[in-house]
C-alpha atoms as a PDB file:
ATOM      1  CA  MET A   1     251.908  38.951   8.354  1.00  0.00           C
ATOM      2  CA  PRO A   2     248.736  39.553   6.458  1.00  0.00           C
ATOM      3  CA  VAL A   3     247.011  42.754   5.386  1.00  0.00           C
ATOM      4  CA  LYS A   4     244.975  44.376   7.151  1.00  0.00           C
ATOM      5  CA  VAL A   5     242.247  44.986   5.504  1.00  0.00           C
ATOM      6  CA  GLY A   6     238.844  45.885   6.042  1.00  0.00           C
ATOM      7  CA  LEU A   7     235.481  47.784   3.980  1.00  0.00           C
ATOM      8  CA  GLN A   8     236.586  51.095   4.366  1.00  0.00           C
ATOM      9  CA  TYR A   9     235.930  51.422   0.305  1.00  0.00           C
ATOM     10  CA  ILE A  10     231.785  49.993  -0.096  1.00  0.00           C
ATOM     11  CA  GLU A  11     230.865  53.228   0.744  1.00  0.00           C
ATOM     12  CA  ILE A  12     231.998  54.259  -3.099  1.00  0.00           C
ATOM     13  CA  TRP A  13     229.303  53.099  -5.573  1.00  0.00           C
ATOM     14  CA  LYS A  14     226.681  51.627  -2.383  1.00  0.00           C
ATOM     15  CA  ASP A  15     223.612  52.823  -3.806  1.00  0.00           C
ATOM     16  CA  SER A  16     223.841  51.751  -7.421  1.00  0.00           C
ATOM     17  CA  MET A  17     225.277  48.550  -6.059  1.00  0.00           C
ATOM     18  CA  GLU A  18     222.070  48.272  -3.794  1.00  0.00           C
ATOM     19  CA  LYS A  19     220.016  48.075  -6.954  1.00  0.00           C
ATOM     20  CA  ALA A  20     222.564  46.094  -8.490  1.00  0.00           C
ATOM     21  CA  VAL A  21     222.151  43.761  -5.773  1.00  0.00           C
ATOM     22  CA  CYS A  22     217.775  44.375  -5.406  1.00  0.00           C
ATOM     23  CA  ARG A  23     217.128  43.832  -9.377  1.00  0.00           C
ATOM     24  CA  TYR A  24     219.618  40.359  -9.732  1.00  0.00           C
ATOM     25  CA  GLU A  25     217.842  39.037  -6.407  1.00  0.00           C
ATOM     26  CA  GLU A  26     213.817  40.081  -7.584  1.00  0.00           C
ATOM     27  CA  GLU A  27     215.191  38.081 -10.736  1.00  0.00           C
ATOM     28  CA  GLU A  28     214.050  34.251 -10.506  1.00  0.00           C
ATOM     29  CA  THR A  29     216.930  32.855 -11.232  1.00  0.00           C
ATOM     30  CA  PRO A  30     217.806  28.915 -11.672  1.00  0.00           C
ATOM     31  CA  LYS A  31     220.886  27.267  -8.894  1.00  0.00           C
ATOM     32  CA  GLY A  32     223.320  25.053 -10.034  1.00  0.00           C
ATOM     33  CA  GLN A  33     224.117  26.955 -12.723  1.00  0.00           C
ATOM     34  CA  ILE A  34     228.067  28.346 -14.456  1.00  0.00           C
ATOM     35  CA  VAL A  35     227.709  32.459 -12.596  1.00  0.00           C
ATOM     36  CA  PHE A  36     230.068  34.457 -13.396  1.00  0.00           C
ATOM     37  CA  TYR A  37     230.701  37.120 -10.668  1.00  0.00           C
ATOM     38  CA  GLY A  38     232.963  40.505 -11.592  1.00  0.00           C
ATOM     39  CA  PRO A  39     232.709  44.030 -12.686  1.00  0.00           C
ATOM     40  CA  SER A  40     231.617  45.806 -15.822  1.00  0.00           C
ATOM     41  CA  ASN A  41     233.090  43.654 -17.684  1.00  0.00           C
ATOM     42  CA  PHE A  42     230.533  41.144 -17.041  1.00  0.00           C
ATOM     43  CA  THR A  43     227.589  44.262 -16.140  1.00  0.00           C
ATOM     44  CA  ARG A  44     227.828  45.156 -19.659  1.00  0.00           C
ATOM     45  CA  TRP A  45     227.177  41.825 -21.117  1.00  0.00           C
ATOM     46  CA  SER A  46     223.618  41.790 -21.581  1.00  0.00           C
ATOM     47  CA  ASN A  47     220.393  43.328 -23.360  1.00  0.00           C
ATOM     48  CA  LYS A  48     221.466  46.975 -21.203  1.00  0.00           C
ATOM     49  CA  TRP A  49     224.751  48.423 -23.207  1.00  0.00           C
ATOM     50  CA  GLU A  50     222.743  46.631 -27.074  1.00  0.00           C
ATOM     51  CA  MET A  51     224.775  43.383 -26.366  1.00  0.00           C
ATOM     52  CA  ILE A  52     223.531  39.826 -27.082  1.00  0.00           C
ATOM     53  CA  PRO A  53     222.814  38.453 -23.000  1.00  0.00           C
ATOM     54  CA  LEU A  54     225.850  36.670 -21.629  1.00  0.00           C
ATOM     55  CA  ARG A  55     223.316  34.084 -20.561  1.00  0.00           C
ATOM     56  CA  GLU A  56     222.448  33.517 -24.900  1.00  0.00           C
ATOM     57  CA  ALA A  57     225.641  33.764 -25.364  1.00  0.00           C
ATOM     58  CA  LEU A  58     226.690  31.201 -23.397  1.00  0.00           C
ATOM     59  CA  VAL A  59     224.646  27.890 -23.713  1.00  0.00           C
ATOM     60  CA  GLY A  60     225.489  24.275 -23.503  1.00  0.00           C
ATOM     61  CA  LYS A  61     226.167  21.218 -25.197  1.00  0.00           C
ATOM     62  CA  SER A  62     222.767  21.346 -24.979  1.00  0.00           C
ATOM     63  CA  GLY A  63     222.213  24.479 -26.353  1.00  0.00           C
ATOM     64  CA  ALA A  64     220.674  25.240 -22.835  1.00  0.00           C
ATOM     65  CA  PRO A  65     221.087  28.516 -21.126  1.00  0.00           C
ATOM     66  CA  CYS A  66     223.394  27.974 -18.478  1.00  0.00           C
ATOM     67  CA  CYS A  67     224.639  31.207 -17.261  1.00  0.00           C
ATOM     68  CA  VAL A  68     223.836  33.217 -14.858  1.00  0.00           C
ATOM     69  CA  ASN A  69     225.546  36.857 -15.101  1.00  0.00           C
ATOM     70  CA  ARG A  70     226.098  38.446 -11.629  1.00  0.00           C
ATOM     71  CA  GLY A  71     228.174  41.320 -12.584  1.00  0.00           C
ATOM     72  CA  PHE A  72     227.997  44.084 -10.687  1.00  0.00           C
ATOM     73  CA  GLY A  73     229.612  48.049 -12.651  1.00  0.00           C
ATOM     74  CA  SER A  74     232.375  48.796 -10.783  1.00  0.00           C
ATOM     75  CA  SER A  75     232.697  47.043  -8.366  1.00  0.00           C
ATOM     76  CA  CYS A  76     236.563  45.245  -6.875  1.00  0.00           C
ATOM     77  CA  SER A  77     237.201  42.877  -4.747  1.00  0.00           C
ATOM     78  CA  GLU A  78     235.996  44.555  -1.560  1.00  0.00           C
ATOM     79  CA  HIS A  79     232.577  44.838  -2.823  1.00  0.00           C
ATOM     80  CA  GLN A  80     232.537  40.900  -4.237  1.00  0.00           C
ATOM     81  CA  LEU A  81     233.801  40.125  -0.750  1.00  0.00           C
ATOM     82  CA  TYR A  82     231.125  42.191   0.988  1.00  0.00           C
ATOM     83  CA  TYR A  83     228.053  41.066  -1.956  1.00  0.00           C
ATOM     84  CA  TYR A  84     229.306  37.325  -2.046  1.00  0.00           C
ATOM     85  CA  PRO A  85     226.736  35.516   0.087  1.00  0.00           C
ATOM     86  CA  ARG A  86     223.270  37.981  -0.774  1.00  0.00           C
ATOM     87  CA  MET A  87     225.024  37.081  -4.890  1.00  0.00           C
ATOM     88  CA  VAL A  88     226.445  34.145  -5.472  1.00  0.00           C
ATOM     89  CA  ARG A  89     226.400  31.770  -2.263  1.00  0.00           C
ATOM     90  CA  ALA A  90     222.279  32.543  -1.855  1.00  0.00           C
ATOM     91  CA  ILE A  91     222.357  30.990  -6.528  1.00  0.00           C
ATOM     92  CA  GLU A  92     224.080  28.283  -5.371  1.00  0.00           C
ATOM     93  CA  PRO A  93     226.723  28.338  -8.704  1.00  0.00           C
ATOM     94  CA  LYS A  94     228.047  24.848  -9.809  1.00  0.00           C
ATOM     95  CA  VAL A  95     230.750  26.340 -11.011  1.00  0.00           C
ATOM     96  CA  LEU A  96     232.005  30.165 -10.676  1.00  0.00           C
ATOM     97  CA  VAL A  97     233.905  32.642 -12.635  1.00  0.00           C
ATOM     98  CA  TYR A  98     235.441  35.289 -11.218  1.00  0.00           C
ATOM     99  CA  SER A  99     236.916  38.033 -12.611  1.00  0.00           C
ATOM    100  CA  THR A 100     238.125  40.424  -9.958  1.00  0.00           C
ATOM    101  CA  GLY A 101     237.710  43.569 -10.565  1.00  0.00           C
ATOM    102  CA  PHE A 102     241.798  44.723 -10.429  1.00  0.00           C
ATOM    103  CA  GLY A 103     241.871  47.889 -12.248  1.00  0.00           C
ATOM    104  CA  ASN A 104     238.774  49.818 -10.552  1.00  0.00           C
ATOM    105  CA  GLY A 105     240.880  48.538  -6.953  1.00  0.00           C
ATOM    106  CA  MET A 106     243.617  50.247  -8.230  1.00  0.00           C
ATOM    107  CA  ALA A 107     241.038  52.983  -9.234  1.00  0.00           C
ATOM    108  CA  PHE A 108     239.513  53.613  -5.406  1.00  0.00           C
ATOM    109  CA  GLY A 109     243.623  53.561  -3.970  1.00  0.00           C
ATOM    110  CA  TYR A 110     244.411  49.525  -3.291  1.00  0.00           C
ATOM    111  CA  THR A 111     247.852  48.246  -3.147  1.00  0.00           C
ATOM    112  CA  MET A 112     248.713  45.148  -4.540  1.00  0.00           C
ATOM    113  CA  GLU A 113     248.531  43.376  -1.444  1.00  0.00           C
ATOM    114  CA  GLU A 114     245.201  44.551  -0.184  1.00  0.00           C
ATOM    115  CA  ASN A 115     243.658  43.427  -3.973  1.00  0.00           C
ATOM    116  CA  CYS A 116     244.681  40.143  -3.518  1.00  0.00           C
ATOM    117  CA  GLU A 117     243.926  39.435  -0.214  1.00  0.00           C
ATOM    118  CA  LEU A 118     240.438  40.893  -0.291  1.00  0.00           C
ATOM    119  CA  ALA A 119     239.989  38.476  -3.969  1.00  0.00           C
ATOM    120  CA  GLU A 120     242.532  35.738  -2.127  1.00  0.00           C
ATOM    121  CA  ARG A 121     238.989  35.961   0.699  1.00  0.00           C
ATOM    122  CA  VAL A 122     236.055  35.975  -2.202  1.00  0.00           C
ATOM    123  CA  VAL A 123     237.877  32.339  -3.557  1.00  0.00           C
ATOM    124  CA  ALA A 124     238.685  30.884   0.059  1.00  0.00           C
ATOM    125  CA  TYR A 125     234.773  31.774   0.771  1.00  0.00           C
ATOM    126  CA  ALA A 126     233.832  29.657  -1.875  1.00  0.00           C
ATOM    127  CA  ARG A 127     235.877  26.942  -1.456  1.00  0.00           C
ATOM    128  CA  ALA A 128     234.536  26.476   0.828  1.00  0.00           C
ATOM    129  CA  ASP A 129     230.691  26.925   0.538  1.00  0.00           C
ATOM    130  CA  PHE A 130     230.751  24.652  -2.528  1.00  0.00           C
ATOM    131  CA  PRO A 131     234.158  22.006  -1.556  1.00  0.00           C
ATOM    132  CA  GLU A 132     233.917  20.559  -5.111  1.00  0.00           C
ATOM    133  CA  MET A 133     232.385  23.131  -7.402  1.00  0.00           C
ATOM    134  CA  PRO A 134     235.458  24.279 -10.485  1.00  0.00           C
ATOM    135  CA  ILE A 135     236.272  27.922 -10.363  1.00  0.00           C
ATOM    136  CA  TYR A 136     238.396  29.785 -12.855  1.00  0.00           C
ATOM    137  CA  LEU A 137     239.502  33.297 -11.603  1.00  0.00           C
ATOM    138  CA  CYS A 138     239.995  35.234 -14.447  1.00  0.00           C
ATOM    139  CA  GLY A 139     243.240  37.131 -15.693  1.00  0.00           C
ATOM    140  CA  VAL A 140     243.549  41.370 -16.778  1.00  0.00           C
ATOM    141  CA  HIS A 141     241.855  41.579 -19.617  1.00  0.00           C
ATOM    142  CA  ARG A 142     243.564  44.629 -22.236  1.00  0.00           C
ATOM    143  CA  ASN A 143     241.927  47.585 -22.830  1.00  0.00           C
ATOM    144  CA  LEU A 144     243.694  50.360 -23.767  1.00  0.00           C
ATOM    145  CA  THR A 145     244.518  52.691 -21.166  1.00  0.00           C
ATOM    146  CA  ARG A 146     247.880  51.079 -20.404  1.00  0.00           C
ATOM    147  CA  THR A 147     250.335  52.930 -19.134  1.00  0.00           C
ATOM    148  CA  GLU A 148     253.181  50.529 -18.241  1.00  0.00           C
ATOM    149  CA  GLU A 149     253.845  50.997 -14.774  1.00  0.00           C
ATOM    150  CA  ARG A 150     250.178  49.551 -15.223  1.00  0.00           C
ATOM    151  CA  GLU A 151     251.246  46.492 -17.291  1.00  0.00           C
ATOM    152  CA  ALA A 152     253.905  45.845 -14.590  1.00  0.00           C
ATOM    153  CA  LEU A 153     251.028  45.822 -11.949  1.00  0.00           C
ATOM    154  CA  ILE A 154     249.112  43.142 -14.662  1.00  0.00           C
ATOM    155  CA  GLN A 155     251.446  40.945 -15.093  1.00  0.00           C
ATOM    156  CA  ARG A 156     252.111  40.868 -10.664  1.00  0.00           C
ATOM    157  CA  PHE A 157     248.350  40.219 -10.159  1.00  0.00           C
ATOM    158  CA  ASP A 158     248.406  37.790 -12.537  1.00  0.00           C
ATOM    159  CA  GLU A 159     251.015  35.913 -11.733  1.00  0.00           C
ATOM    160  CA  TRP A 160     249.218  36.364  -8.389  1.00  0.00           C
ATOM    161  CA  ALA A 161     245.629  34.985  -9.440  1.00  0.00           C
ATOM    162  CA  ARG A 162     247.380  31.717 -11.498  1.00  0.00           C
ATOM    163  CA  ALA A 163     249.781  31.182  -8.280  1.00  0.00           C
ATOM    164  CA  LEU A 164     245.828  30.890  -6.131  1.00  0.00           C
ATOM    165  CA  ALA A 165     244.633  28.841  -8.785  1.00  0.00           C
ATOM    166  CA  GLU A 166     247.448  25.958  -8.304  1.00  0.00           C
ATOM    167  CA  ALA A 167     247.510  26.206  -4.452  1.00  0.00           C
ATOM    168  CA  THR A 168     243.395  25.814  -4.193  1.00  0.00           C
ATOM    169  CA  PRO A 169     242.164  22.146  -5.284  1.00  0.00           C
ATOM    170  CA  ASN A 170     240.118  22.679  -8.351  1.00  0.00           C
ATOM    171  CA  CYS A 171     240.825  26.383  -9.408  1.00  0.00           C
ATOM    172  CA  PHE A 172     242.227  27.220 -12.556  1.00  0.00           C
ATOM    173  CA  PHE A 173     243.387  30.231 -14.216  1.00  0.00           C
ATOM    174  CA  ILE A 174     242.653  31.897 -17.193  1.00  0.00           C
ATOM    175  CA  ASP A 175     243.328  35.129 -19.333  1.00  0.00           C
ATOM    176  CA  PRO A 176     241.542  36.679 -21.934  1.00  0.00           C
ATOM    177  CA  LYS A 177     244.883  37.622 -23.326  1.00  0.00           C
ATOM    178  CA  THR A 178     246.663  34.207 -24.444  1.00  0.00           C
ATOM    179  CA  HIS A 179     243.141  34.890 -26.639  1.00  0.00           C
ATOM    180  CA  GLU A 180     244.330  37.297 -29.424  1.00  0.00           C
ATOM    181  CA  PRO A 181     241.182  38.816 -30.821  1.00  0.00           C
ATOM    182  CA  LEU A 182     241.170  40.445 -27.024  1.00  0.00           C
ATOM    183  CA  ASN A 183     244.130  41.811 -27.983  1.00  0.00           C
ATOM    184  CA  ARG A 184     242.790  43.748 -30.609  1.00  0.00           C
ATOM    185  CA  THR A 185     242.188  47.867 -30.846  1.00  0.00           C
ATOM    186  CA  ASP A 186     239.158  48.171 -32.508  1.00  0.00           C
ATOM    187  CA  ILE A 187     237.298  46.342 -29.581  1.00  0.00           C
ATOM    188  CA  PHE A 188     236.333  48.924 -27.011  1.00  0.00           C
ATOM    189  CA  VAL A 189     233.677  51.342 -27.680  1.00  0.00           C
ATOM    190  CA  ARG A 190     235.012  55.024 -26.499  1.00  0.00           C
ATOM    191  CA  ASP A 191     235.943  55.334 -22.541  1.00  0.00           C
ATOM    192  CA  GLY A 192     238.667  52.158 -24.088  1.00  0.00           C
ATOM    193  CA  VAL A 193     237.443  50.522 -21.548  1.00  0.00           C
ATOM    194  CA  HIS A 194     234.139  48.075 -22.631  1.00  0.00           C
ATOM    195  CA  TYR A 195     234.121  45.994 -25.660  1.00  0.00           C
ATOM    196  CA  ASN A 196     232.229  46.824 -28.245  1.00  0.00           C
ATOM    197  CA  GLN A 197     229.456  44.659 -30.138  1.00  0.00           C
ATOM    198  CA  GLU A 198     232.650  42.924 -31.703  1.00  0.00           C
ATOM    199  CA  GLY A 199     234.678  42.691 -28.561  1.00  0.00           C
ATOM    200  CA  TYR A 200     232.158  40.443 -26.898  1.00  0.00           C
ATOM    201  CA  LEU A 201     231.317  38.409 -29.699  1.00  0.00           C
ATOM    202  CA  HIS A 202     235.398  37.126 -28.863  1.00  0.00           C
ATOM    203  CA  TYR A 203     234.528  37.206 -25.409  1.00  0.00           C
ATOM    204  CA  ALA A 204     232.253  34.780 -26.373  1.00  0.00           C
ATOM    205  CA  ASP A 205     234.314  33.129 -28.149  1.00  0.00           C
ATOM    206  CA  PHE A 206     237.310  33.201 -25.115  1.00  0.00           C
ATOM    207  CA  PHE A 207     235.154  31.866 -22.488  1.00  0.00           C
ATOM    208  CA  ARG A 208     233.506  28.253 -25.120  1.00  0.00           C
ATOM    209  CA  SER A 209     236.923  27.403 -24.844  1.00  0.00           C
ATOM    210  CA  ALA A 210     237.718  28.190 -20.872  1.00  0.00           C
ATOM    211  CA  LEU A 211     235.237  26.087 -20.221  1.00  0.00           C
ATOM    212  CA  ARG A 212     234.756  24.353 -22.802  1.00  0.00           C
ATOM    213  CA  GLN A 213     234.212  21.170 -20.174  1.00  0.00           C
ATOM    214  CA  GLU A 214     231.794  23.023 -18.272  1.00  0.00           C
ATOM    215  CA  LEU A 215     229.417  23.821 -21.374  1.00  0.00           C
ATOM    216  CA  ASP A 216     229.560  19.955 -21.854  1.00  0.00           C
ATOM    217  CA  LYS A 217     228.314  18.777 -19.470  1.00  0.00           C
ATOM    218  CA  PHE A 218     224.397  20.960 -19.766  1.00  0.00           C
END
């Protein structure tokens, strides 16, 4: 029986998230790009946080910009489901890279089952809207705040995400933890969660490899 979840947490961070979404909607965004959709690990990949922006860090084989950042901080899969029509569907991506914000979901009190079902709905919406579009579903990236219990939950979530990718046409599971430099302890800012400048250089390397066949199309 499916887990019954609603938008019970959408009020959390609503004002700041709505403002972030509105700012994105005000931008002149080209369609048919590689769209990165997720929480603050994407949000902070920008000039605002003194990082080389995602759009400049990852470019096509021709050197042309081809990536659009649609990260919004503190979001979890419920927020991402709620904002999907405005943040993803509206800009008609050619490729979707989706990071669910699993850690935020756990912090907001979601169960593993709720996190998974809500994220699965985002993937289902994307597959229904764009049947031929490649979807890359990201595993949970490593940080310095983990406990043994949390590690076990992350392993369960990654196993679920891998199984969902295998069961979904043209969907692929990619795991930042497989890129060894992203497992270092010196690539984070003070909070131990978000990457520093060097961390984002390695993050870009990971996606450059994981998305090589997609970047080569631009």
